[in-house]
Amino acid sequence: MTDPSRLVVGDPAPAFTLPADSGDDVSLTDYAGRRVLVYFYPRANTPGCTKEACDFRDSLALLNDAGIDVLGISPDPVAKLAAFRSSQELNFPLLSDEDKSVMTAYGAFGEKKNYGKVVQGVIRSTFLVEADGTIGLAKYNVKATGHVARILKELDL
């Protein structure tokens, strides 16, 4: 049985406009006609989130060559995202979803297990939004280490 709050391949990608680390607003519609990997992560400057972000950074040229852009989304405030992007030399936008409304729309916020306890929080997830605005890939509860390599393999890159 699938969780009804979770997106599946073929679903329309929920639209969003969020503030970016640059201070500008970024919308999913800015990428209309392009493919974009949207990934949700719990918190900037933590070991797992840093590893995942750096893996996306190091794979961005390969993804871009395949016509895929990357957006990272967390509940962190813009200033923290700007510092994270700078310190890790990230080459893609980081977006702030402080009220977690976009995460909720994507099924990337809710109950999860953390050290054996059920808590409310960000569910580390990645989605490929296809050029037509539909979900082409939906991955929930991913492990930070090795995640980008698994995505690249699944996308045959």
Protein backbone atom coordinates (compact mmCIF):
# COMPACT_ATOMS: atom_id res chain seq x y z
CA MET A 1 0.00 0.00 0.00
CA THR A 2 1.41 3.37 -0.99
CA ASP A 3 1.27 6.44 1.19
CA PRO A 4 -1.31 8.82 -0.38
CA SER A 5 0.79 11.86 0.64
CA ARG A 6 3.67 10.64 -1.50
CA LEU A 7 4.19 11.45 -5.15
CA VAL A 8 4.62 8.74 -7.75
CA VAL A 9 5.95 8.74 -11.31
CA GLY A 10 3.49 10.52 -13.60
CA ASP A 11 2.02 12.81 -10.94
CA PRO A 12 2.13 16.54 -11.66
CA ALA A 13 4.99 18.16 -9.73
CA PRO A 14 3.64 20.60 -7.12
CA ALA A 15 4.47 24.17 -8.17
CA PHE A 16 6.53 26.33 -5.84
CA THR A 17 8.28 29.66 -5.46
CA LEU A 18 10.84 29.90 -2.64
CA PRO A 19 13.59 32.30 -1.58
CA ALA A 20 17.05 31.16 -2.66
CA ASP A 21 20.47 31.52 -1.06
CA SER A 22 21.09 34.32 -3.60
CA GLY A 23 18.24 36.41 -2.17
CA ASP A 24 16.17 35.92 -5.32
CA ASP A 25 12.97 33.91 -5.53
CA VAL A 26 13.16 30.69 -7.55
CA SER A 27 10.11 28.99 -9.01
CA LEU A 28 9.69 25.55 -10.48
CA THR A 29 8.20 27.36 -13.50
CA ASP A 30 11.65 28.94 -14.07
CA TYR A 31 12.65 25.45 -15.26
CA ALA A 32 9.66 24.85 -17.54
CA GLY A 33 10.72 22.73 -20.50
CA ARG A 34 13.79 21.45 -18.64
CA ARG A 35 14.36 18.53 -16.32
CA VAL A 36 15.23 19.36 -12.73
CA LEU A 37 16.26 17.23 -9.77
CA VAL A 38 14.65 18.64 -6.65
CA TYR A 39 16.09 17.24 -3.47
CA PHE A 40 14.95 17.84 0.11
CA TYR A 41 17.38 17.63 3.00
CA PRO A 42 17.00 18.23 6.75
CA ARG A 43 19.69 20.78 7.64
CA ALA A 44 22.65 22.58 6.12
CA ASN A 45 26.13 22.01 7.56
CA THR A 46 25.36 18.59 9.02
CA PRO A 47 27.55 15.65 7.95
CA GLY A 48 24.98 13.78 5.85
CA CYS A 49 23.53 16.88 4.21
CA THR A 50 27.01 18.21 3.42
CA LYS A 51 28.03 14.87 1.86
CA GLU A 52 24.88 14.78 -0.27
CA ALA A 53 25.23 18.43 -1.38
CA CYS A 54 28.89 17.94 -2.31
CA ASP A 55 28.01 14.80 -4.28
CA PHE A 56 25.44 16.82 -6.26
CA ARG A 57 28.06 19.57 -6.71
CA ASP A 58 30.62 17.09 -8.02
CA SER A 59 28.08 15.50 -10.39
CA LEU A 60 26.49 18.72 -11.65
CA ALA A 61 28.39 18.85 -14.96
CA LEU A 62 27.29 15.30 -15.78
CA LEU A 63 23.68 16.12 -14.85
CA ASN A 64 23.75 19.42 -16.78
CA ASP A 65 25.16 17.63 -19.84
CA ALA A 66 22.08 15.38 -19.66
CA GLY A 67 19.84 18.47 -19.51
CA ILE A 68 19.14 18.18 -15.79
CA ASP A 69 19.37 21.06 -13.31
CA VAL A 70 19.53 20.64 -9.51
CA LEU A 71 17.71 22.46 -6.70
CA GLY A 72 18.27 21.73 -3.00
CA ILE A 73 15.49 22.57 -0.52
CA SER A 74 15.66 22.63 3.28
CA PRO A 75 13.85 24.44 6.11
CA ASP A 76 16.98 26.51 6.84
CA PRO A 77 16.77 30.32 6.62
CA VAL A 78 18.27 31.99 3.53
CA ALA A 79 21.34 33.33 5.40
CA LYS A 80 22.28 29.83 6.58
CA LEU A 81 21.84 28.47 3.05
CA ALA A 82 24.06 31.23 1.62
CA ALA A 83 26.80 30.40 4.13
CA PHE A 84 26.45 26.66 3.37
CA ARG A 85 26.62 27.22 -0.39
CA SER A 86 29.69 29.43 0.01
CA SER A 87 31.56 27.17 2.46
CA GLN A 88 31.00 24.06 0.31
CA GLU A 89 31.40 25.87 -3.04
CA LEU A 90 28.03 24.54 -4.19
CA ASN A 91 27.19 25.28 -7.82
CA PHE A 92 23.39 25.05 -7.72
CA PRO A 93 20.67 27.01 -5.89
CA LEU A 94 19.59 26.20 -2.33
CA LEU A 95 16.02 27.15 -1.48
CA SER A 96 14.49 27.92 1.89
CA ASP A 97 11.17 26.28 2.83
CA GLU A 98 10.92 27.50 6.42
CA ASP A 99 7.19 26.78 6.74
CA LYS A 100 7.73 23.34 5.14
CA SER A 101 4.77 23.84 2.79
CA VAL A 102 6.66 22.68 -0.30
CA MET A 103 8.14 19.71 1.56
CA THR A 104 4.64 18.76 2.67
CA ALA A 105 3.31 19.07 -0.90
CA TYR A 106 6.01 16.65 -2.07
CA GLY A 107 5.46 14.24 0.84
CA ALA A 108 8.97 15.09 2.10
CA PHE A 109 7.89 16.24 5.56
CA GLY A 110 6.09 14.09 8.10
CA GLU A 111 6.54 11.14 10.36
CA LYS A 112 9.85 9.35 10.17
CA LYS A 113 11.98 7.16 12.36
CA ASN A 114 14.99 8.80 13.94
CA TYR A 115 17.15 6.52 16.06
CA GLY A 116 14.16 4.22 16.55
CA LYS A 117 11.74 6.96 17.62
CA VAL A 118 8.90 8.26 15.46
CA VAL A 119 9.32 12.02 14.98
CA GLN A 120 8.05 14.76 12.66
CA GLY A 121 10.73 15.99 10.31
CA VAL A 122 12.18 16.35 6.86
CA ILE A 123 12.20 13.08 4.95
CA ARG A 124 15.36 13.08 2.81
CA SER A 125 13.88 12.75 -0.68
CA THR A 126 14.71 13.39 -4.33
CA PHE A 127 12.44 13.96 -7.32
CA LEU A 128 13.11 14.29 -11.02
CA VAL A 129 10.67 16.77 -12.49
CA GLU A 130 10.42 16.09 -16.20
CA ALA A 131 10.29 18.83 -18.86
CA ASP A 132 6.49 18.45 -19.01
CA GLY A 133 6.15 19.14 -15.26
CA THR A 134 5.44 15.57 -14.18
CA ILE A 135 7.36 13.45 -11.71
CA GLY A 136 9.82 11.17 -13.49
CA LEU A 137 11.47 9.77 -10.37
CA ALA A 138 10.43 9.86 -6.70
CA LYS A 139 12.78 8.60 -4.00
CA TYR A 140 11.90 8.82 -0.29
CA ASN A 141 13.93 8.05 2.84
CA VAL A 142 17.18 8.04 0.91
CA LYS A 143 20.56 7.64 2.57
CA ALA A 144 22.83 10.64 1.99
CA THR A 145 25.97 8.63 1.32
CA GLY A 146 25.92 7.14 -2.16
CA HIS A 147 22.54 8.66 -3.01
CA VAL A 148 23.73 10.75 -5.96
CA ALA A 149 25.61 7.77 -7.43
CA ARG A 150 22.41 5.69 -7.18
CA ILE A 151 20.42 8.47 -8.92
CA LEU A 152 23.02 8.72 -11.70
CA LYS A 153 22.87 4.96 -12.22
CA GLU A 154 19.07 4.96 -12.28
CA LEU A 155 19.11 7.81 -14.82
CA ASP A 156 21.71 5.87 -16.85
CA LEU A 157 24.29 8.69 -16.65
